[in-house]
PDB file of N, CA and C in Angstrom:
ATOM      1  N   UNK A   1       0.820  -1.193   0.011  1.00  0.00           N
ATOM      2  CA  UNK A   1       0.001  -0.008  -0.009  1.00  0.00           C
ATOM      3  C   UNK A   1       0.863   1.262  -0.013  1.00  0.00           C
ATOM      4  N   UNK A   2       2.090   1.141   0.488  1.00  0.00           N
ATOM      5  CA  UNK A   2       2.992   2.285   0.559  1.00  0.00           C
ATOM      6  C   UNK A   2       3.243   2.898  -0.833  1.00  0.00           C
ATOM      7  N   UNK A   3       3.453   2.008  -1.812  1.00  0.00           N
ATOM      8  CA  UNK A   3       3.798   2.480  -3.145  1.00  0.00           C
ATOM      9  C   UNK A   3       2.608   3.229  -3.821  1.00  0.00           C
ATOM     10  N   UNK A   4       1.403   2.846  -3.484  1.00  0.00           N
ATOM     11  CA  UNK A   4       0.236   3.545  -4.017  1.00  0.00           C
ATOM     12  C   UNK A   4       0.235   4.978  -3.518  1.00  0.00           C
ATOM     13  N   UNK A   5       0.661   5.225  -2.324  1.00  0.00           N
ATOM     14  CA  UNK A   5       0.674   6.555  -1.755  1.00  0.00           C
ATOM     15  C   UNK A   5       1.696   7.438  -2.368  1.00  0.00           C
ATOM     16  N   UNK A   6       2.783   6.902  -2.910  1.00  0.00           N
ATOM     17  CA  UNK A   6       3.835   7.734  -3.470  1.00  0.00           C
ATOM     18  C   UNK A   6       3.821   7.842  -5.009  1.00  0.00           C
ATOM     19  N   UNK A   7       2.722   7.364  -5.597  1.00  0.00           N
ATOM     20  CA  UNK A   7       2.617   7.422  -7.046  1.00  0.00           C
ATOM     21  C   UNK A   7       2.530   8.881  -7.501  1.00  0.00           C
ATOM     22  N   UNK A   8       3.085   9.192  -8.630  1.00  0.00           N
ATOM     23  CA  UNK A   8       2.967  10.610  -9.132  1.00  0.00           C
ATOM     24  C   UNK A   8       1.513  10.954  -9.426  1.00  0.00           C
ATOM     25  N   UNK A   9       1.178  12.243  -9.303  1.00  0.00           N
ATOM     26  CA  UNK A   9      -0.176  12.680  -9.518  1.00  0.00           C
ATOM     27  C   UNK A   9      -0.658  12.462 -10.962  1.00  0.00           C
ATOM     28  N   UNK A  10       0.234  12.454 -11.915  1.00  0.00           N
ATOM     29  CA  UNK A  10      -0.178  12.296 -13.307  1.00  0.00           C
ATOM     30  C   UNK A  10      -0.291  10.813 -13.733  1.00  0.00           C
ATOM     31  N   UNK A  11      -0.074   9.919 -12.789  1.00  0.00           N
ATOM     32  CA  UNK A  11      -0.172   8.476 -13.116  1.00  0.00           C
ATOM     33  C   UNK A  11      -1.657   8.095 -13.122  1.00  0.00           C
ATOM     34  N   UNK A  12      -2.080   7.499 -14.207  1.00  0.00           N
ATOM     35  CA  UNK A  12      -3.484   7.098 -14.357  1.00  0.00           C
ATOM     36  C   UNK A  12      -3.584   5.592 -14.627  1.00  0.00           C
ATOM     37  N   UNK A  13      -4.375   4.896 -13.851  1.00  0.00           N
ATOM     38  CA  UNK A  13      -4.595   3.451 -14.088  1.00  0.00           C
ATOM     39  C   UNK A  13      -5.544   3.335 -15.270  1.00  0.00           C
ATOM     40  N   UNK A  14      -5.111   2.673 -16.326  1.00  0.00           N
ATOM     41  CA  UNK A  14      -5.933   2.584 -17.541  1.00  0.00           C
ATOM     42  C   UNK A  14      -6.852   1.390 -17.507  1.00  0.00           C
ATOM     43  N   UNK A  15      -6.318   0.171 -17.186  1.00  0.00           N
ATOM     44  CA  UNK A  15      -7.121  -1.019 -17.226  1.00  0.00           C
ATOM     45  C   UNK A  15      -6.987  -1.719 -15.879  1.00  0.00           C
ATOM     46  N   UNK A  16      -8.073  -2.167 -15.338  1.00  0.00           N
ATOM     47  CA  UNK A  16      -8.110  -2.972 -14.107  1.00  0.00           C
ATOM     48  C   UNK A  16      -8.396  -4.404 -14.532  1.00  0.00           C
ATOM     49  N   UNK A  17      -7.507  -5.343 -14.183  1.00  0.00           N
ATOM     50  CA  UNK A  17      -7.667  -6.748 -14.495  1.00  0.00           C
ATOM     51  C   UNK A  17      -7.839  -7.512 -13.225  1.00  0.00           C
ATOM     52  N   UNK A  18      -9.064  -8.081 -13.041  1.00  0.00           N
ATOM     53  CA  UNK A  18      -9.338  -8.786 -11.790  1.00  0.00           C
ATOM     54  C   UNK A  18     -10.003 -10.116 -12.110  1.00  0.00           C
ATOM     55  N   UNK A  19     -10.137 -10.927 -11.066  1.00  0.00           N
ATOM     56  CA  UNK A  19     -10.901 -12.138 -11.211  1.00  0.00           C
ATOM     57  C   UNK A  19     -12.373 -11.835 -10.971  1.00  0.00           C
ATOM     58  N   UNK A  20     -13.214 -12.821 -10.821  1.00  0.00           N
ATOM     59  CA  UNK A  20     -14.659 -12.585 -10.771  1.00  0.00           C
ATOM     60  C   UNK A  20     -15.246 -12.266  -9.418  1.00  0.00           C
ATOM     61  N   UNK A  21     -14.421 -11.779  -8.455  1.00  0.00           N
ATOM     62  CA  UNK A  21     -14.928 -11.456  -7.112  1.00  0.00           C
ATOM     63  C   UNK A  21     -15.933 -10.292  -7.251  1.00  0.00           C
ATOM     64  N   UNK A  22     -17.154 -10.419  -6.706  1.00  0.00           N
ATOM     65  CA  UNK A  22     -18.194  -9.400  -6.885  1.00  0.00           C
ATOM     66  C   UNK A  22     -17.872  -7.995  -6.403  1.00  0.00           C
ATOM     67  N   UNK A  23     -17.045  -7.903  -5.346  1.00  0.00           N
ATOM     68  CA  UNK A  23     -16.692  -6.604  -4.834  1.00  0.00           C
ATOM     69  C   UNK A  23     -15.966  -5.723  -5.827  1.00  0.00           C
ATOM     70  N   UNK A  24     -15.123  -6.319  -6.677  1.00  0.00           N
ATOM     71  CA  UNK A  24     -14.393  -5.544  -7.686  1.00  0.00           C
ATOM     72  C   UNK A  24     -15.348  -4.870  -8.640  1.00  0.00           C
ATOM     73  N   UNK A  25     -16.350  -5.574  -9.075  1.00  0.00           N
ATOM     74  CA  UNK A  25     -17.334  -5.020 -10.011  1.00  0.00           C
ATOM     75  C   UNK A  25     -18.022  -3.833  -9.445  1.00  0.00           C
ATOM     76  N   UNK A  26     -18.412  -3.869  -8.176  1.00  0.00           N
ATOM     77  CA  UNK A  26     -19.124  -2.738  -7.581  1.00  0.00           C
ATOM     78  C   UNK A  26     -18.168  -1.552  -7.368  1.00  0.00           C
ATOM     79  N   UNK A  27     -16.908  -1.796  -7.067  1.00  0.00           N
ATOM     80  CA  UNK A  27     -15.949  -0.708  -6.817  1.00  0.00           C
ATOM     81  C   UNK A  27     -15.400  -0.083  -8.075  1.00  0.00           C
ATOM     82  N   UNK A  28     -15.409  -0.824  -9.207  1.00  0.00           N
ATOM     83  CA  UNK A  28     -14.806  -0.315 -10.387  1.00  0.00           C
ATOM     84  C   UNK A  28     -15.786   0.061 -11.479  1.00  0.00           C
ATOM     85  N   UNK A  29     -16.998   0.455 -11.071  1.00  0.00           N
ATOM     86  CA  UNK A  29     -17.997   0.839 -12.058  1.00  0.00           C
ATOM     87  C   UNK A  29     -17.539   2.079 -12.812  1.00  0.00           C
ATOM     88  N   UNK A  30     -17.751   2.054 -14.121  1.00  0.00           N
ATOM     89  CA  UNK A  30     -17.392   3.191 -14.964  1.00  0.00           C
ATOM     90  C   UNK A  30     -15.932   3.185 -15.393  1.00  0.00           C
ATOM     91  N   UNK A  31     -15.174   2.216 -14.975  1.00  0.00           N
ATOM     92  CA  UNK A  31     -13.753   2.156 -15.372  1.00  0.00           C
ATOM     93  C   UNK A  31     -13.559   0.961 -16.289  1.00  0.00           C
ATOM     94  N   UNK A  32     -12.477   0.948 -17.039  1.00  0.00           N
ATOM     95  CA  UNK A  32     -12.168  -0.191 -17.928  1.00  0.00           C
ATOM     96  C   UNK A  32     -11.770  -1.354 -17.053  1.00  0.00           C
ATOM     97  N   UNK A  33     -12.643  -2.342 -16.929  1.00  0.00           N
ATOM     98  CA  UNK A  33     -12.479  -3.446 -16.016  1.00  0.00           C
ATOM     99  C   UNK A  33     -12.566  -4.746 -16.777  1.00  0.00           C
ATOM    100  N   UNK A  34     -11.489  -5.534 -16.802  1.00  0.00           N
ATOM    101  CA  UNK A  34     -11.461  -6.805 -17.467  1.00  0.00           C
ATOM    102  C   UNK A  34     -11.510  -7.881 -16.430  1.00  0.00           C
ATOM    103  N   UNK A  35     -12.521  -8.771 -16.512  1.00  0.00           N
ATOM    104  CA  UNK A  35     -12.688  -9.868 -15.573  1.00  0.00           C
ATOM    105  C   UNK A  35     -12.219 -11.126 -16.248  1.00  0.00           C
ATOM    106  N   UNK A  36     -11.086 -11.666 -15.795  1.00  0.00           N
ATOM    107  CA  UNK A  36     -10.537 -12.854 -16.421  1.00  0.00           C
ATOM    108  C   UNK A  36      -9.458 -13.440 -15.511  1.00  0.00           C
ATOM    109  N   UNK A  37      -9.528 -14.730 -15.311  1.00  0.00           N
ATOM    110  CA  UNK A  37      -8.466 -15.410 -14.540  1.00  0.00           C
ATOM    111  C   UNK A  37      -7.158 -15.454 -15.338  1.00  0.00           C
ATOM    112  N   UNK A  38      -7.281 -15.415 -16.669  1.00  0.00           N
ATOM    113  CA  UNK A  38      -6.105 -15.485 -17.488  1.00  0.00           C
ATOM    114  C   UNK A  38      -5.082 -14.405 -17.152  1.00  0.00           C
ATOM    115  N   UNK A  39      -5.550 -13.175 -17.026  1.00  0.00           N
ATOM    116  CA  UNK A  39      -4.632 -12.071 -16.751  1.00  0.00           C
ATOM    117  C   UNK A  39      -4.195 -12.069 -15.285  1.00  0.00           C
ATOM    118  N   UNK A  40      -5.093 -12.388 -14.356  1.00  0.00           N
ATOM    119  CA  UNK A  40      -4.697 -12.399 -12.986  1.00  0.00           C
ATOM    120  C   UNK A  40      -3.678 -13.490 -12.693  1.00  0.00           C
ATOM    121  N   UNK A  41      -3.747 -14.622 -13.419  1.00  0.00           N
ATOM    122  CA  UNK A  41      -2.740 -15.676 -13.261  1.00  0.00           C
ATOM    123  C   UNK A  41      -1.364 -15.172 -13.713  1.00  0.00           C
ATOM    124  N   UNK A  42      -1.336 -14.424 -14.803  1.00  0.00           N
ATOM    125  CA  UNK A  42      -0.052 -13.866 -15.242  1.00  0.00           C
ATOM    126  C   UNK A  42       0.552 -12.936 -14.225  1.00  0.00           C
ATOM    127  N   UNK A  43      -0.309 -12.076 -13.637  1.00  0.00           N
ATOM    128  CA  UNK A  43       0.184 -11.116 -12.661  1.00  0.00           C
ATOM    129  C   UNK A  43       0.678 -11.853 -11.451  1.00  0.00           C
ATOM    130  N   UNK A  44      -0.108 -12.853 -10.960  1.00  0.00           N
ATOM    131  CA  UNK A  44       0.293 -13.604  -9.793  1.00  0.00           C
ATOM    132  C   UNK A  44       1.589 -14.389 -10.038  1.00  0.00           C
ATOM    133  N   UNK A  45       1.743 -14.930 -11.269  1.00  0.00           N
ATOM    134  CA  UNK A  45       2.951 -15.656 -11.611  1.00  0.00           C
ATOM    135  C   UNK A  45       4.160 -14.706 -11.606  1.00  0.00           C
ATOM    136  N   UNK A  46       3.971 -13.492 -12.100  1.00  0.00           N
ATOM    137  CA  UNK A  46       5.057 -12.505 -12.061  1.00  0.00           C
ATOM    138  C   UNK A  46       5.445 -12.169 -10.639  1.00  0.00           C
ATOM    139  N   UNK A  47       4.445 -11.998  -9.774  1.00  0.00           N
ATOM    140  CA  UNK A  47       4.702 -11.744  -8.352  1.00  0.00           C
ATOM    141  C   UNK A  47       5.437 -12.899  -7.685  1.00  0.00           C
ATOM    142  N   UNK A  48       5.034 -14.115  -8.044  1.00  0.00           N
ATOM    143  CA  UNK A  48       5.724 -15.308  -7.506  1.00  0.00           C
ATOM    144  C   UNK A  48       7.196 -15.374  -7.961  1.00  0.00           C
ATOM    145  N   UNK A  49       7.452 -15.057  -9.207  1.00  0.00           N
ATOM    146  CA  UNK A  49       8.820 -15.051  -9.717  1.00  0.00           C
ATOM    147  C   UNK A  49       9.646 -14.031  -8.950  1.00  0.00           C
ATOM    148  N   UNK A  50       9.097 -12.848  -8.762  1.00  0.00           N
ATOM    149  CA  UNK A  50       9.820 -11.826  -7.987  1.00  0.00           C
ATOM    150  C   UNK A  50      10.130 -12.291  -6.607  1.00  0.00           C
ATOM    151  N   UNK A  51       9.217 -12.907  -5.911  1.00  0.00           N
ATOM    152  CA  UNK A  51       9.449 -13.414  -4.561  1.00  0.00           C
ATOM    153  C   UNK A  51      10.453 -14.515  -4.538  1.00  0.00           C
ATOM    154  N   UNK A  52      10.453 -15.380  -5.568  1.00  0.00           N
ATOM    155  CA  UNK A  52      11.398 -16.484  -5.628  1.00  0.00           C
ATOM    156  C   UNK A  52      12.832 -16.001  -5.941  1.00  0.00           C
ATOM    157  N   UNK A  53      12.961 -15.036  -6.825  1.00  0.00           N
ATOM    158  CA  UNK A  53      14.267 -14.589  -7.237  1.00  0.00           C
ATOM    159  C   UNK A  53      14.852 -13.486  -6.344  1.00  0.00           C
ATOM    160  N   UNK A  54      13.974 -12.752  -5.661  1.00  0.00           N
ATOM    161  CA  UNK A  54      14.452 -11.712  -4.779  1.00  0.00           C
ATOM    162  C   UNK A  54      13.970 -11.986  -3.352  1.00  0.00           C
ATOM    163  N   UNK A  55      14.846 -12.657  -2.589  1.00  0.00           N
ATOM    164  CA  UNK A  55      14.495 -13.032  -1.245  1.00  0.00           C
ATOM    165  C   UNK A  55      14.152 -11.849  -0.373  1.00  0.00           C
ATOM    166  N   UNK A  56      14.660 -10.689  -0.702  1.00  0.00           N
ATOM    167  CA  UNK A  56      14.414  -9.497   0.090  1.00  0.00           C
ATOM    168  C   UNK A  56      12.950  -9.062   0.129  1.00  0.00           C
ATOM    169  N   UNK A  57      12.169  -9.615  -0.764  1.00  0.00           N
ATOM    170  CA  UNK A  57      10.725  -9.268  -0.750  1.00  0.00           C
ATOM    171  C   UNK A  57       9.966 -10.049   0.354  1.00  0.00           C
ATOM    172  N   UNK A  58      10.596 -11.047   0.913  1.00  0.00           N
ATOM    173  CA  UNK A  58      10.014 -11.787   2.028  1.00  0.00           C
ATOM    174  C   UNK A  58      10.462 -11.188   3.346  1.00  0.00           C
ATOM    175  N   UNK A  59       9.560 -10.876   4.211  1.00  0.00           N
ATOM    176  CA  UNK A  59       9.887 -10.203   5.468  1.00  0.00           C
ATOM    177  C   UNK A  59      10.809 -11.025   6.336  1.00  0.00           C
ATOM    178  N   UNK A  60      10.688 -12.352   6.318  1.00  0.00           N
ATOM    179  CA  UNK A  60      11.488 -13.213   7.237  1.00  0.00           C
ATOM    180  C   UNK A  60      12.822 -13.648   6.598  1.00  0.00           C
ATOM    181  N   UNK A  61      13.285 -12.888   5.676  1.00  0.00           N
ATOM    182  CA  UNK A  61      14.520 -13.220   4.985  1.00  0.00           C
ATOM    183  C   UNK A  61      15.704 -12.547   5.635  1.00  0.00           C
ATOM    184  N   UNK A  62      16.890 -13.155   5.542  1.00  0.00           N
ATOM    185  CA  UNK A  62      18.101 -12.505   6.050  1.00  0.00           C
ATOM    186  C   UNK A  62      18.485 -11.278   5.222  1.00  0.00           C
ATOM    187  N   UNK A  63      18.014 -11.222   3.991  1.00  0.00           N
ATOM    188  CA  UNK A  63      18.404 -10.145   3.123  1.00  0.00           C
ATOM    189  C   UNK A  63      17.365  -9.004   3.146  1.00  0.00           C
ATOM    190  N   UNK A  64      16.459  -9.006   4.094  1.00  0.00           N
ATOM    191  CA  UNK A  64      15.437  -7.973   4.179  1.00  0.00           C
ATOM    192  C   UNK A  64      16.072  -6.629   4.618  1.00  0.00           C
ATOM    193  N   UNK A  65      15.698  -5.595   3.940  1.00  0.00           N
ATOM    194  CA  UNK A  65      16.208  -4.254   4.282  1.00  0.00           C
ATOM    195  C   UNK A  65      15.072  -3.316   4.570  1.00  0.00           C
ATOM    196  N   UNK A  66      15.249  -2.423   5.492  1.00  0.00           N
ATOM    197  CA  UNK A  66      14.180  -1.454   5.819  1.00  0.00           C
ATOM    198  C   UNK A  66      14.267  -0.230   4.919  1.00  0.00           C
ATOM    199  N   UNK A  67      15.295  -0.158   4.121  1.00  0.00           N
ATOM    200  CA  UNK A  67      15.476   1.003   3.244  1.00  0.00           C
ATOM    201  C   UNK A  67      14.664   0.842   1.966  1.00  0.00           C
ATOM    202  N   UNK A  68      13.683   1.706   1.753  1.00  0.00           N
ATOM    203  CA  UNK A  68      12.867   1.662   0.582  1.00  0.00           C
ATOM    204  C   UNK A  68      13.725   1.980  -0.675  1.00  0.00           C
ATOM    205  N   UNK A  69      14.675   2.883  -0.528  1.00  0.00           N
ATOM    206  CA  UNK A  69      15.532   3.234  -1.658  1.00  0.00           C
ATOM    207  C   UNK A  69      16.351   2.021  -2.156  1.00  0.00           C
ATOM    208  N   UNK A  70      16.882   1.228  -1.188  1.00  0.00           N
ATOM    209  CA  UNK A  70      17.625   0.035  -1.532  1.00  0.00           C
ATOM    210  C   UNK A  70      16.751  -1.020  -2.219  1.00  0.00           C
ATOM    211  N   UNK A  71      15.540  -1.196  -1.706  1.00  0.00           N
ATOM    212  CA  UNK A  71      14.563  -2.076  -2.360  1.00  0.00           C
ATOM    213  C   UNK A  71      14.305  -1.683  -3.805  1.00  0.00           C
ATOM    214  N   UNK A  72      14.075  -0.363  -4.010  1.00  0.00           N
ATOM    215  CA  UNK A  72      13.795   0.136  -5.347  1.00  0.00           C
ATOM    216  C   UNK A  72      14.983  -0.126  -6.318  1.00  0.00           C
ATOM    217  N   UNK A  73      16.190   0.051  -5.819  1.00  0.00           N
ATOM    218  CA  UNK A  73      17.342  -0.158  -6.711  1.00  0.00           C
ATOM    219  C   UNK A  73      17.536  -1.597  -7.036  1.00  0.00           C
ATOM    220  N   UNK A  74      17.402  -2.512  -6.055  1.00  0.00           N
ATOM    221  CA  UNK A  74      17.599  -3.901  -6.310  1.00  0.00           C
ATOM    222  C   UNK A  74      16.489  -4.448  -7.236  1.00  0.00           C
ATOM    223  N   UNK A  75      15.271  -4.106  -6.975  1.00  0.00           N
ATOM    224  CA  UNK A  75      14.118  -4.548  -7.791  1.00  0.00           C
ATOM    225  C   UNK A  75      14.259  -3.976  -9.222  1.00  0.00           C
ATOM    226  N   UNK A  76      14.629  -2.734  -9.315  1.00  0.00           N
ATOM    227  CA  UNK A  76      14.806  -2.111 -10.624  1.00  0.00           C
ATOM    228  C   UNK A  76      15.905  -2.788 -11.424  1.00  0.00           C
ATOM    229  N   UNK A  77      17.026  -3.117 -10.745  1.00  0.00           N
ATOM    230  CA  UNK A  77      18.112  -3.868 -11.395  1.00  0.00           C
ATOM    231  C   UNK A  77      17.647  -5.198 -11.877  1.00  0.00           C
ATOM    232  N   UNK A  78      16.894  -5.910 -11.010  1.00  0.00           N
ATOM    233  CA  UNK A  78      16.376  -7.242 -11.397  1.00  0.00           C
ATOM    234  C   UNK A  78      15.471  -7.153 -12.609  1.00  0.00           C
ATOM    235  N   UNK A  79      14.565  -6.221 -12.621  1.00  0.00           N
ATOM    236  CA  UNK A  79      13.637  -6.036 -13.759  1.00  0.00           C
ATOM    237  C   UNK A  79      14.381  -5.664 -15.023  1.00  0.00           C
ATOM    238  N   UNK A  80      15.412  -4.846 -14.850  1.00  0.00           N
ATOM    239  CA  UNK A  80      16.215  -4.512 -16.032  1.00  0.00           C
ATOM    240  C   UNK A  80      16.874  -5.723 -16.635  1.00  0.00           C
ATOM    241  N   UNK A  81      17.397  -6.608 -15.811  1.00  0.00           N
ATOM    242  CA  UNK A  81      18.062  -7.828 -16.352  1.00  0.00           C
ATOM    243  C   UNK A  81      17.058  -8.792 -16.914  1.00  0.00           C
ATOM    244  N   UNK A  82      15.971  -9.048 -16.208  1.00  0.00           N
ATOM    245  CA  UNK A  82      14.996 -10.060 -16.596  1.00  0.00           C
ATOM    246  C   UNK A  82      14.072  -9.645 -17.766  1.00  0.00           C
ATOM    247  N   UNK A  83      13.726  -8.416 -17.840  1.00  0.00           N
ATOM    248  CA  UNK A  83      12.702  -8.005 -18.802  1.00  0.00           C
ATOM    249  C   UNK A  83      13.212  -7.113 -19.945  1.00  0.00           C
ATOM    250  N   UNK A  84      14.331  -6.497 -19.812  1.00  0.00           N
ATOM    251  CA  UNK A  84      14.766  -5.526 -20.823  1.00  0.00           C
ATOM    252  C   UNK A  84      16.065  -5.897 -21.526  1.00  0.00           C
ATOM    253  N   UNK A  85      16.540  -7.136 -21.318  1.00  0.00           N
ATOM    254  CA  UNK A  85      17.784  -7.537 -22.028  1.00  0.00           C
ATOM    255  C   UNK A  85      17.519  -8.746 -22.848  1.00  0.00           C
TER     256      UNK A  85
END
């Protein structure tokens, strides 16, 4: 939830991809809302890969750091290597 609070003001969420939980439909009325397990599985798989490859994302890890700046740098470096090369 911390990252949502520090998002830039000009950042706009374009598409919401959720599963079929009824609460999402009532909360996201009037927005571009895609209900599909296909996309949520991809997102969850991506989150799982991040947790598996970056132990620091687990609170009970020896490599956990309280520095948000350090987390951002390590995660950014990982994403650079995995997704942009």
